[in-house]
Protein backbone atom coordinates (compact mmCIF):
# COMPACT_ATOMS: atom_id res chain seq x y z
CA UNK A 1 -99.72 -95.29 47.27
CA UNK A 2 -98.48 -98.69 46.16
CA UNK A 3 -100.88 -101.54 45.48
CA UNK A 4 -100.48 -105.27 45.98
CA UNK A 5 -103.02 -107.13 43.82
CA UNK A 6 -103.21 -110.70 45.10
CA UNK A 7 -105.04 -113.92 44.28
CA UNK A 8 -107.60 -114.38 47.10
CA UNK A 9 -106.73 -118.03 47.77
CA UNK A 10 -103.26 -116.92 48.86
CA UNK A 11 -104.77 -114.98 51.78
CA UNK A 12 -107.81 -117.14 52.51
CA UNK A 13 -107.16 -120.81 51.72
CA UNK A 14 -110.83 -121.75 51.71
CA UNK A 15 -111.24 -120.70 48.06
CA UNK A 16 -109.08 -123.61 46.87
CA UNK A 17 -111.17 -125.92 44.70
CA UNK A 18 -110.97 -129.00 46.95
CA UNK A 19 -110.55 -127.16 50.24
CA UNK A 20 -107.28 -126.23 51.97
CA UNK A 21 -104.39 -128.52 52.71
CA UNK A 22 -101.39 -127.70 54.93
CA UNK A 23 -99.53 -125.82 52.18
CA UNK A 24 -102.50 -123.47 51.70
CA UNK A 25 -102.73 -122.76 55.44
CA UNK A 26 -98.98 -122.07 55.58
CA UNK A 27 -99.10 -119.78 52.53
CA UNK A 28 -101.95 -117.72 53.97
CA UNK A 29 -100.30 -117.47 57.39
CA UNK A 30 -96.98 -116.19 56.03
CA UNK A 31 -98.47 -113.78 53.49
CA UNK A 32 -100.88 -112.25 55.99
CA UNK A 33 -98.01 -111.72 58.46
CA UNK A 34 -95.88 -110.15 55.73
CA UNK A 35 -98.67 -107.84 54.57
CA UNK A 36 -99.19 -106.72 58.16
CA UNK A 37 -95.56 -105.58 58.22
CA UNK A 38 -95.76 -103.48 55.03
CA UNK A 39 -95.53 -99.73 55.37
CA UNK A 40 -98.50 -97.39 55.36
CA UNK A 41 -97.85 -96.63 51.70
CA UNK A 42 -99.12 -100.08 50.69
CA UNK A 43 -102.72 -101.12 50.08
CA UNK A 44 -103.93 -104.63 49.21
CA UNK A 45 -106.53 -105.67 46.64
CA UNK A 46 -107.64 -109.30 46.85
CA UNK A 47 -109.87 -109.59 43.79
CA UNK A 48 -112.82 -112.04 43.59
CA UNK A 49 -111.77 -115.62 42.88
CA UNK A 50 -112.58 -116.21 39.19
CA UNK A 51 -113.16 -119.94 39.66
CA UNK A 52 -115.46 -119.39 42.63
CA UNK A 53 -117.34 -116.70 40.68
CA UNK A 54 -117.89 -119.07 37.75
CA UNK A 55 -118.42 -122.46 39.42
CA UNK A 56 -118.83 -121.95 43.16
CA UNK A 57 -117.27 -124.12 45.83
CA UNK A 58 -116.18 -126.84 46.19
CA UNK A 59 -115.32 -127.72 42.60
CA UNK A 60 -113.35 -130.35 40.73
CA UNK A 61 -109.81 -129.63 39.54
CA UNK A 62 -109.81 -128.34 35.96
CA UNK A 63 -107.28 -127.10 33.44
CA UNK A 64 -107.05 -123.80 31.61
CA UNK A 65 -108.70 -125.38 28.55
CA UNK A 66 -111.59 -126.79 30.59
CA UNK A 67 -112.24 -123.40 32.18
CA UNK A 68 -112.07 -121.87 28.72
CA UNK A 69 -114.90 -124.18 27.64
CA UNK A 70 -116.90 -123.25 30.72
CA UNK A 71 -116.83 -119.54 29.88
CA UNK A 72 -114.03 -118.33 32.12
CA UNK A 73 -112.74 -115.68 29.72
CA UNK A 74 -115.88 -113.54 30.15
CA UNK A 75 -115.79 -113.90 33.95
CA UNK A 76 -112.07 -113.04 33.99
CA UNK A 77 -112.71 -109.90 31.90
CA UNK A 78 -115.23 -108.69 34.52
CA UNK A 79 -112.63 -109.15 37.27
CA UNK A 80 -109.95 -107.44 35.16
CA UNK A 81 -112.38 -104.53 34.63
CA UNK A 82 -112.78 -104.23 38.41
CA UNK A 83 -109.01 -104.19 38.93
CA UNK A 84 -108.65 -101.66 36.11
CA UNK A 85 -111.24 -99.37 37.67
CA UNK A 86 -109.40 -99.44 40.99
CA UNK A 87 -106.10 -98.61 39.26
CA UNK A 88 -107.70 -95.78 37.27
CA UNK A 89 -109.35 -94.20 40.30
CA UNK A 90 -106.61 -94.72 42.88
CA UNK A 91 -103.59 -94.19 40.57
CA UNK A 92 -101.03 -96.16 42.59
CA UNK A 93 -97.38 -95.35 41.92
CA UNK A 94 -96.45 -99.04 41.76
CA UNK A 95 -98.58 -102.14 41.25
CA UNK A 96 -97.45 -105.68 42.11
CA UNK A 97 -99.62 -108.60 40.98
CA UNK A 98 -99.21 -111.93 42.80
CA UNK A 99 -100.69 -115.04 41.16
CA UNK A 100 -100.51 -118.79 41.77
CA UNK A 101 -98.21 -121.18 39.92
CA UNK A 102 -100.22 -123.77 37.99
CA UNK A 103 -103.59 -122.10 38.41
CA UNK A 104 -105.82 -122.28 35.32
CA UNK A 105 -106.89 -118.69 35.95
CA UNK A 106 -104.31 -117.04 38.23
CA UNK A 107 -101.09 -118.62 36.99
CA UNK A 108 -98.64 -115.84 36.15
CA UNK A 109 -96.07 -117.78 34.12
CA UNK A 110 -97.33 -121.39 34.49
CA UNK A 111 -100.79 -122.89 34.18
CA UNK A 112 -102.34 -126.35 34.06
CA UNK A 113 -103.19 -127.87 30.70
CA UNK A 114 -105.18 -130.88 29.51
CA UNK A 115 -107.41 -132.03 26.67
CA UNK A 116 -110.89 -130.61 27.40
CA UNK A 117 -112.62 -133.22 25.21
CA UNK A 118 -112.46 -136.08 27.71
CA UNK A 119 -112.99 -134.05 30.88
CA UNK A 120 -115.72 -135.36 33.24
CA UNK A 121 -117.72 -132.11 33.41
CA UNK A 122 -120.29 -133.73 35.72
CA UNK A 123 -117.57 -133.85 38.39
CA UNK A 124 -118.08 -130.13 38.99
CA UNK A 125 -121.55 -130.87 40.35
CA UNK A 126 -120.42 -134.09 42.06
CA UNK A 127 -117.88 -132.19 44.21
CA UNK A 128 -120.63 -130.16 45.82
CA UNK A 129 -121.82 -133.30 47.63
CA UNK A 130 -118.44 -134.74 48.68
CA UNK A 131 -116.80 -134.32 52.08
CA UNK A 132 -113.25 -132.96 52.28
CA UNK A 133 -111.45 -136.33 52.41
CA UNK A 134 -113.47 -137.61 49.46
CA UNK A 135 -112.76 -134.40 47.50
CA UNK A 136 -109.01 -134.69 48.06
CA UNK A 137 -109.07 -138.34 46.94
CA UNK A 138 -111.27 -137.63 43.91
CA UNK A 139 -109.12 -134.61 42.96
CA UNK A 140 -106.05 -136.84 42.73
CA UNK A 141 -107.99 -139.30 40.56
CA UNK A 142 -109.16 -136.60 38.15
CA UNK A 143 -105.71 -135.02 37.88
CA UNK A 144 -104.21 -138.47 37.16
CA UNK A 145 -106.93 -139.53 34.71
CA UNK A 146 -106.80 -136.24 32.80
CA UNK A 147 -103.02 -136.08 32.61
CA UNK A 148 -102.81 -132.44 33.70
CA UNK A 149 -99.52 -130.85 32.70
CA UNK A 150 -97.81 -127.73 33.96
CA UNK A 151 -97.15 -125.55 30.91
CA UNK A 152 -95.32 -122.25 30.48
CA UNK A 153 -98.10 -119.78 29.83
CA UNK A 154 -100.35 -117.61 32.00
CA UNK A 155 -103.72 -118.59 33.38
CA UNK A 156 -106.78 -117.01 31.77
CA UNK A 157 -107.09 -114.02 34.12
CA UNK A 158 -103.37 -113.26 34.18
CA UNK A 159 -103.19 -113.41 30.40
CA UNK A 160 -105.73 -110.57 30.38
CA UNK A 161 -104.03 -108.67 33.22
CA UNK A 162 -100.54 -108.76 31.69
CA UNK A 163 -101.94 -107.50 28.38
CA UNK A 164 -103.93 -104.68 30.02
CA UNK A 165 -101.38 -103.66 32.65
CA UNK A 166 -97.91 -104.34 31.19
CA UNK A 167 -96.35 -101.78 33.55
CA UNK A 168 -97.24 -103.94 36.56
CA UNK A 169 -94.73 -106.13 38.37
CA UNK A 170 -95.77 -109.81 38.29
CA UNK A 171 -94.81 -112.47 40.84
CA UNK A 172 -95.82 -116.14 40.78
CA UNK A 173 -96.35 -117.85 44.15
CA UNK A 174 -95.59 -121.58 44.21
CA UNK A 175 -97.50 -123.27 47.05
CA UNK A 176 -95.15 -126.26 46.70
CA UNK A 177 -92.26 -123.93 47.61
CA UNK A 178 -93.84 -121.63 50.18
CA UNK A 179 -90.59 -120.38 51.76
CA UNK A 180 -88.92 -119.77 48.37
CA UNK A 181 -92.01 -117.96 47.12
CA UNK A 182 -92.08 -115.75 50.20
CA UNK A 183 -88.45 -114.81 49.57
CA UNK A 184 -89.32 -113.87 45.97
CA UNK A 185 -92.22 -111.68 47.11
CA UNK A 186 -90.05 -109.94 49.72
CA UNK A 187 -87.25 -109.45 47.20
CA UNK A 188 -89.54 -107.92 44.56
CA UNK A 189 -91.10 -105.49 47.03
CA UNK A 190 -87.68 -104.58 48.46
CA UNK A 191 -86.45 -103.73 44.94
CA UNK A 192 -89.16 -101.07 44.68
CA UNK A 193 -87.19 -98.90 47.10
CA UNK A 194 -85.99 -98.75 50.69
CA UNK A 195 -89.23 -97.24 51.98
CA UNK A 196 -91.45 -99.66 50.06
CA UNK A 197 -91.04 -102.85 52.07
CA UNK A 198 -89.85 -104.00 55.47
């Protein structure tokens, strides 16, 4: 058996903090089609969304540092324990982890960064009461006001995963380059052997 461990928002766009936009719908559509074409040797594990588990939905955009302040490391460890238990019990021959570029929790090589001191923490509660258009508008405001930066380091969960499971293969999906990301995923799975991917 081979196992694809994937961030849940890549398959179901409704986990995204502000709600899905077109790029999230497109990502989910293409990945679900691709997974449906994988051979019988593949299984898929979409782990619980760490941000949903900690904050709920909808929620304001936040950086890695903000989530660190909110207690994400402990929540991420619980999810990593779940993934570890599955790997221990099922013993897959190959494991491919797919995360999300820029995610504060599920970024593989890139995450979002900001100064947590000036973050409007009350916005997390505020988002619960906003409609989708208002959330999208307010998200842009918060990102601009907070000066979020894309930095080269993993998100909180993937920092834990790469330390615990260094033998895994890690792929970062960029929702701003859906087609390019799909090609990377296909290429990585194809490299695992001729019978491993279609």
